[in-house]
Amino acid sequence: MTVPSPCINVCVMDKASGLCQGCLRTLDEIAAWGRASDPQRLAILDAVAARRADQPKPSTAWSPQ
């Protein structure tokens, strides 16, 4: 099995968080991806999923001005 990269080609690092704004990986995780084993890649994806879950959800409710 080859675990696909979470990269979505929005490669901009957020200075405050140190995470890529597109895939939510750190620079170390991005650099390690190419040589990482599938279990290591899955661990990175688990970390990304946890980060994504911790992000505030955008409001979908409409409110008049």
PDB file of N, CA and C in Angstrom:
ATOM      1  N   MET A   1       0.855  -1.178   0.000  1.00  0.00           N
ATOM      2  CA  MET A   1       0.000   0.000   0.000  1.00  0.00           C
ATOM      3  C   MET A   1       0.897   1.236   0.000  1.00  0.00           C
ATOM      4  N   THR A   2       0.562   2.213  -0.793  1.00  0.00           N
ATOM      5  CA  THR A   2       1.249   3.493  -0.769  1.00  0.00           C
ATOM      6  C   THR A   2       0.248   4.549  -0.329  1.00  0.00           C
ATOM      7  N   VAL A   3       0.572   5.228   0.738  1.00  0.00           N
ATOM      8  CA  VAL A   3      -0.315   6.250   1.295  1.00  0.00           C
ATOM      9  C   VAL A   3      -0.132   7.529   0.491  1.00  0.00           C
ATOM     10  N   PRO A   4      -1.215   8.068  -0.105  1.00  0.00           N
ATOM     11  CA  PRO A   4      -1.091   9.287  -0.904  1.00  0.00           C
ATOM     12  C   PRO A   4      -0.828  10.518  -0.037  1.00  0.00           C
ATOM     13  N   SER A   5      -0.106  11.447  -0.603  1.00  0.00           N
ATOM     14  CA  SER A   5       0.215  12.698   0.085  1.00  0.00           C
ATOM     15  C   SER A   5      -1.047  13.538   0.294  1.00  0.00           C
ATOM     16  N   PRO A   6      -1.126  14.242   1.427  1.00  0.00           N
ATOM     17  CA  PRO A   6      -2.261  15.136   1.661  1.00  0.00           C
ATOM     18  C   PRO A   6      -2.097  16.497   0.973  1.00  0.00           C
ATOM     19  N   CYS A   7      -1.003  16.687   0.242  1.00  0.00           N
ATOM     20  CA  CYS A   7      -0.735  17.968  -0.415  1.00  0.00           C
ATOM     21  C   CYS A   7      -1.845  18.314  -1.403  1.00  0.00           C
ATOM     22  N   ILE A   8      -2.312  19.574  -1.321  1.00  0.00           N
ATOM     23  CA  ILE A   8      -3.339  20.049  -2.262  1.00  0.00           C
ATOM     24  C   ILE A   8      -2.804  21.224  -3.090  1.00  0.00           C
ATOM     25  N   ASN A   9      -1.478  21.352  -3.136  1.00  0.00           N
ATOM     26  CA  ASN A   9      -0.804  22.394  -3.915  1.00  0.00           C
ATOM     27  C   ASN A   9      -1.153  23.811  -3.479  1.00  0.00           C
ATOM     28  N   VAL A  10      -1.403  23.975  -2.185  1.00  0.00           N
ATOM     29  CA  VAL A  10      -1.540  25.296  -1.573  1.00  0.00           C
ATOM     30  C   VAL A  10      -0.401  25.361  -0.560  1.00  0.00           C
ATOM     31  N   CYS A  11       0.794  25.553  -1.067  1.00  0.00           N
ATOM     32  CA  CYS A  11       2.009  25.421  -0.258  1.00  0.00           C
ATOM     33  C   CYS A  11       2.429  26.769   0.305  1.00  0.00           C
ATOM     34  N   VAL A  12       1.773  27.160   1.380  1.00  0.00           N
ATOM     35  CA  VAL A  12       2.071  28.415   2.063  1.00  0.00           C
ATOM     36  C   VAL A  12       2.176  28.090   3.543  1.00  0.00           C
ATOM     37  N   MET A  13       3.336  28.381   4.113  1.00  0.00           N
ATOM     38  CA  MET A  13       3.536  28.106   5.529  1.00  0.00           C
ATOM     39  C   MET A  13       3.006  29.266   6.371  1.00  0.00           C
ATOM     40  N   ASP A  14       2.207  28.940   7.369  1.00  0.00           N
ATOM     41  CA  ASP A  14       1.683  29.926   8.306  1.00  0.00           C
ATOM     42  C   ASP A  14       2.748  30.199   9.361  1.00  0.00           C
ATOM     43  N   LYS A  15       3.167  31.447   9.465  1.00  0.00           N
ATOM     44  CA  LYS A  15       4.240  31.788  10.398  1.00  0.00           C
ATOM     45  C   LYS A  15       3.842  31.540  11.846  1.00  0.00           C
ATOM     46  N   ALA A  16       2.608  31.811  12.189  1.00  0.00           N
ATOM     47  CA  ALA A  16       2.165  31.671  13.581  1.00  0.00           C
ATOM     48  C   ALA A  16       2.111  30.209  14.023  1.00  0.00           C
ATOM     49  N   SER A  17       1.556  29.348  13.182  1.00  0.00           N
ATOM     50  CA  SER A  17       1.383  27.944  13.570  1.00  0.00           C
ATOM     51  C   SER A  17       2.529  27.045  13.122  1.00  0.00           C
ATOM     52  N   GLY A  18       3.254  27.463  12.080  1.00  0.00           N
ATOM     53  CA  GLY A  18       4.301  26.613  11.524  1.00  0.00           C
ATOM     54  C   GLY A  18       3.759  25.498  10.652  1.00  0.00           C
ATOM     55  N   LEU A  19       2.497  25.593  10.261  1.00  0.00           N
ATOM     56  CA  LEU A  19       1.849  24.570   9.444  1.00  0.00           C
ATOM     57  C   LEU A  19       1.588  25.081   8.035  1.00  0.00           C
ATOM     58  N   CYS A  20       1.612  24.164   7.088  1.00  0.00           N
ATOM     59  CA  CYS A  20       1.217  24.503   5.720  1.00  0.00           C
ATOM     60  C   CYS A  20      -0.269  24.821   5.732  1.00  0.00           C
ATOM     61  N   GLN A  21      -0.658  25.908   5.096  1.00  0.00           N
ATOM     62  CA  GLN A  21      -2.067  26.294   5.061  1.00  0.00           C
ATOM     63  C   GLN A  21      -2.902  25.336   4.214  1.00  0.00           C
ATOM     64  N   GLY A  22      -2.274  24.608   3.301  1.00  0.00           N
ATOM     65  CA  GLY A  22      -3.018  23.679   2.457  1.00  0.00           C
ATOM     66  C   GLY A  22      -3.228  22.319   3.087  1.00  0.00           C
ATOM     67  N   CYS A  23      -2.155  21.714   3.614  1.00  0.00           N
ATOM     68  CA  CYS A  23      -2.249  20.330   4.094  1.00  0.00           C
ATOM     69  C   CYS A  23      -2.108  20.183   5.599  1.00  0.00           C
ATOM     70  N   LEU A  24      -1.792  21.258   6.309  1.00  0.00           N
ATOM     71  CA  LEU A  24      -1.644  21.276   7.767  1.00  0.00           C
ATOM     72  C   LEU A  24      -0.494  20.413   8.281  1.00  0.00           C
ATOM     73  N   ARG A  25       0.536  20.199   7.434  1.00  0.00           N
ATOM     74  CA  ARG A  25       1.730  19.494   7.893  1.00  0.00           C
ATOM     75  C   ARG A  25       2.801  20.502   8.282  1.00  0.00           C
ATOM     76  N   THR A  26       3.699  20.072   9.152  1.00  0.00           N
ATOM     77  CA  THR A  26       4.865  20.884   9.497  1.00  0.00           C
ATOM     78  C   THR A  26       5.912  20.730   8.396  1.00  0.00           C
ATOM     79  N   LEU A  27       6.909  21.604   8.405  1.00  0.00           N
ATOM     80  CA  LEU A  27       8.001  21.470   7.432  1.00  0.00           C
ATOM     81  C   LEU A  27       8.713  20.131   7.604  1.00  0.00           C
ATOM     82  N   ASP A  28       8.911  19.701   8.843  1.00  0.00           N
ATOM     83  CA  ASP A  28       9.560  18.411   9.082  1.00  0.00           C
ATOM     84  C   ASP A  28       8.737  17.259   8.500  1.00  0.00           C
ATOM     85  N   GLU A  29       7.418  17.318   8.659  1.00  0.00           N
ATOM     86  CA  GLU A  29       6.554  16.262   8.114  1.00  0.00           C
ATOM     87  C   GLU A  29       6.578  16.266   6.587  1.00  0.00           C
ATOM     88  N   ILE A  30       6.592  17.439   5.995  1.00  0.00           N
ATOM     89  CA  ILE A  30       6.648  17.552   4.537  1.00  0.00           C
ATOM     90  C   ILE A  30       7.968  16.985   4.024  1.00  0.00           C
ATOM     91  N   ALA A  31       9.062  17.367   4.691  1.00  0.00           N
ATOM     92  CA  ALA A  31      10.383  16.904   4.269  1.00  0.00           C
ATOM     93  C   ALA A  31      10.530  15.396   4.429  1.00  0.00           C
ATOM     94  N   ALA A  32       9.945  14.829   5.466  1.00  0.00           N
ATOM     95  CA  ALA A  32      10.079  13.389   5.745  1.00  0.00           C
ATOM     96  C   ALA A  32       9.185  12.526   4.859  1.00  0.00           C
ATOM     97  N   TRP A  33       8.161  13.104   4.278  1.00  0.00           N
ATOM     98  CA  TRP A  33       7.142  12.332   3.560  1.00  0.00           C
ATOM     99  C   TRP A  33       7.728  11.388   2.511  1.00  0.00           C
ATOM    100  N   GLY A  34       8.642  11.868   1.707  1.00  0.00           N
ATOM    101  CA  GLY A  34       9.184  11.082   0.597  1.00  0.00           C
ATOM    102  C   GLY A  34       9.914   9.821   1.023  1.00  0.00           C
ATOM    103  N   ARG A  35      10.515   9.834   2.196  1.00  0.00           N
ATOM    104  CA  ARG A  35      11.251   8.660   2.665  1.00  0.00           C
ATOM    105  C   ARG A  35      10.513   7.907   3.773  1.00  0.00           C
ATOM    106  N   ALA A  36       9.330   8.375   4.140  1.00  0.00           N
ATOM    107  CA  ALA A  36       8.566   7.768   5.228  1.00  0.00           C
ATOM    108  C   ALA A  36       7.932   6.450   4.788  1.00  0.00           C
ATOM    109  N   SER A  37       7.869   5.522   5.724  1.00  0.00           N
ATOM    110  CA  SER A  37       7.165   4.255   5.479  1.00  0.00           C
ATOM    111  C   SER A  37       5.655   4.520   5.545  1.00  0.00           C
ATOM    112  N   ASP A  38       4.869   3.567   5.090  1.00  0.00           N
ATOM    113  CA  ASP A  38       3.417   3.742   5.165  1.00  0.00           C
ATOM    114  C   ASP A  38       2.936   3.957   6.601  1.00  0.00           C
ATOM    115  N   PRO A  39       3.427   3.205   7.595  1.00  0.00           N
ATOM    116  CA  PRO A  39       2.997   3.485   8.974  1.00  0.00           C
ATOM    117  C   PRO A  39       3.371   4.895   9.436  1.00  0.00           C
ATOM    118  N   GLN A  40       4.539   5.382   9.036  1.00  0.00           N
ATOM    119  CA  GLN A  40       4.932   6.750   9.383  1.00  0.00           C
ATOM    120  C   GLN A  40       4.025   7.761   8.696  1.00  0.00           C
ATOM    121  N   ARG A  41       3.689   7.506   7.439  1.00  0.00           N
ATOM    122  CA  ARG A  41       2.778   8.401   6.715  1.00  0.00           C
ATOM    123  C   ARG A  41       1.400   8.416   7.362  1.00  0.00           C
ATOM    124  N   LEU A  42       0.928   7.260   7.781  1.00  0.00           N
ATOM    125  CA  LEU A  42      -0.373   7.198   8.450  1.00  0.00           C
ATOM    126  C   LEU A  42      -0.347   7.967   9.766  1.00  0.00           C
ATOM    127  N   ALA A  43       0.771   7.928  10.477  1.00  0.00           N
ATOM    128  CA  ALA A  43       0.903   8.697  11.712  1.00  0.00           C
ATOM    129  C   ALA A  43       0.861  10.199  11.421  1.00  0.00           C
ATOM    130  N   ILE A  44       1.500  10.618  10.339  1.00  0.00           N
ATOM    131  CA  ILE A  44       1.441  12.030   9.936  1.00  0.00           C
ATOM    132  C   ILE A  44       0.006  12.409   9.592  1.00  0.00           C
ATOM    133  N   LEU A  45      -0.692  11.552   8.859  1.00  0.00           N
ATOM    134  CA  LEU A  45      -2.088  11.837   8.497  1.00  0.00           C
ATOM    135  C   LEU A  45      -2.976  11.893   9.741  1.00  0.00           C
ATOM    136  N   ASP A  46      -2.692  11.071  10.745  1.00  0.00           N
ATOM    137  CA  ASP A  46      -3.441  11.142  12.009  1.00  0.00           C
ATOM    138  C   ASP A  46      -3.224  12.493  12.685  1.00  0.00           C
ATOM    139  N   ALA A  47      -1.976  12.974  12.676  1.00  0.00           N
ATOM    140  CA  ALA A  47      -1.672  14.282  13.262  1.00  0.00           C
ATOM    141  C   ALA A  47      -2.387  15.393  12.498  1.00  0.00           C
ATOM    142  N   VAL A  48      -2.406  15.286  11.174  1.00  0.00           N
ATOM    143  CA  VAL A  48      -3.102  16.276  10.340  1.00  0.00           C
ATOM    144  C   VAL A  48      -4.598  16.266  10.656  1.00  0.00           C
ATOM    145  N   ALA A  49      -5.181  15.083  10.791  1.00  0.00           N
ATOM    146  CA  ALA A  49      -6.616  14.975  11.097  1.00  0.00           C
ATOM    147  C   ALA A  49      -6.923  15.615  12.452  1.00  0.00           C
ATOM    148  N   ALA A  50      -6.052  15.409  13.426  1.00  0.00           N
ATOM    149  CA  ALA A  50      -6.262  16.020  14.737  1.00  0.00           C
ATOM    150  C   ALA A  50      -6.175  17.542  14.647  1.00  0.00           C
ATOM    151  N   ARG A  51      -5.236  18.035  13.867  1.00  0.00           N
ATOM    152  CA  ARG A  51      -5.116  19.493  13.690  1.00  0.00           C
ATOM    153  C   ARG A  51      -6.355  20.056  13.009  1.00  0.00           C
ATOM    154  N   ARG A  52      -6.819  19.349  11.994  1.00  0.00           N
ATOM    155  CA  ARG A  52      -8.007  19.806  11.262  1.00  0.00           C
ATOM    156  C   ARG A  52      -9.221  19.838  12.188  1.00  0.00           C
ATOM    157  N   ALA A  53      -9.348  18.842  13.062  1.00  0.00           N
ATOM    158  CA  ALA A  53     -10.474  18.781  13.997  1.00  0.00           C
ATOM    159  C   ALA A  53     -10.420  19.916  15.016  1.00  0.00           C
ATOM    160  N   ASP A  54      -9.205  20.386  15.331  1.00  0.00           N
ATOM    161  CA  ASP A  54      -9.036  21.463  16.305  1.00  0.00           C
ATOM    162  C   ASP A  54      -9.275  22.846  15.724  1.00  0.00           C
ATOM    163  N   GLN A  55      -9.355  22.954  14.398  1.00  0.00           N
ATOM    164  CA  GLN A  55      -9.562  24.264  13.780  1.00  0.00           C
ATOM    165  C   GLN A  55     -10.998  24.720  13.997  1.00  0.00           C
ATOM    166  N   PRO A  56     -11.192  26.025  14.196  1.00  0.00           N
ATOM    167  CA  PRO A  56     -12.558  26.534  14.340  1.00  0.00           C
ATOM    168  C   PRO A  56     -13.348  26.300  13.056  1.00  0.00           C
ATOM    169  N   LYS A  57     -14.578  25.940  13.229  1.00  0.00           N
ATOM    170  CA  LYS A  57     -15.457  25.703  12.083  1.00  0.00           C
ATOM    171  C   LYS A  57     -16.014  27.033  11.587  1.00  0.00           C
ATOM    172  N   PRO A  58     -16.011  27.241  10.273  1.00  0.00           N
ATOM    173  CA  PRO A  58     -16.581  28.500   9.747  1.00  0.00           C
ATOM    174  C   PRO A  58     -18.100  28.514   9.957  1.00  0.00           C
ATOM    175  N   SER A  59     -18.610  29.677  10.227  1.00  0.00           N
ATOM    176  CA  SER A  59     -20.044  29.806  10.420  1.00  0.00           C
ATOM    177  C   SER A  59     -20.752  29.725   9.078  1.00  0.00           C
ATOM    178  N   THR A  60     -21.801  28.930   9.015  1.00  0.00           N
ATOM    179  CA  THR A  60     -22.578  28.817   7.788  1.00  0.00           C
ATOM    180  C   THR A  60     -23.909  29.556   7.929  1.00  0.00           C
ATOM    181  N   ALA A  61     -24.172  30.086   9.122  1.00  0.00           N
ATOM    182  CA  ALA A  61     -25.431  30.794   9.351  1.00  0.00           C
ATOM    183  C   ALA A  61     -25.342  32.191   8.745  1.00  0.00           C
ATOM    184  N   TRP A  62     -26.379  32.592   8.083  1.00  0.00           N
ATOM    185  CA  TRP A  62     -26.457  33.926   7.500  1.00  0.00           C
ATOM    186  C   TRP A  62     -26.995  34.876   8.545  1.00  0.00           C
ATOM    187  N   SER A  63     -26.400  36.037   8.621  1.00  0.00           N
ATOM    188  CA  SER A  63     -26.932  37.045   9.544  1.00  0.00           C
ATOM    189  C   SER A  63     -27.010  38.378   8.804  1.00  0.00           C
ATOM    190  N   PRO A  64     -28.130  39.042   8.926  1.00  0.00           N
ATOM    191  CA  PRO A  64     -28.301  40.347   8.250  1.00  0.00           C
ATOM    192  C   PRO A  64     -27.358  41.381   8.836  1.00  0.00           C
ATOM    193  N   GLN A  65     -26.952  42.326   8.002  1.00  0.00           N
ATOM    194  CA  GLN A  65     -26.033  43.387   8.423  1.00  0.00           C
ATOM    195  C   GLN A  65     -26.748  44.439   9.188  1.00  0.00           C
TER     196      GLN A  65
END
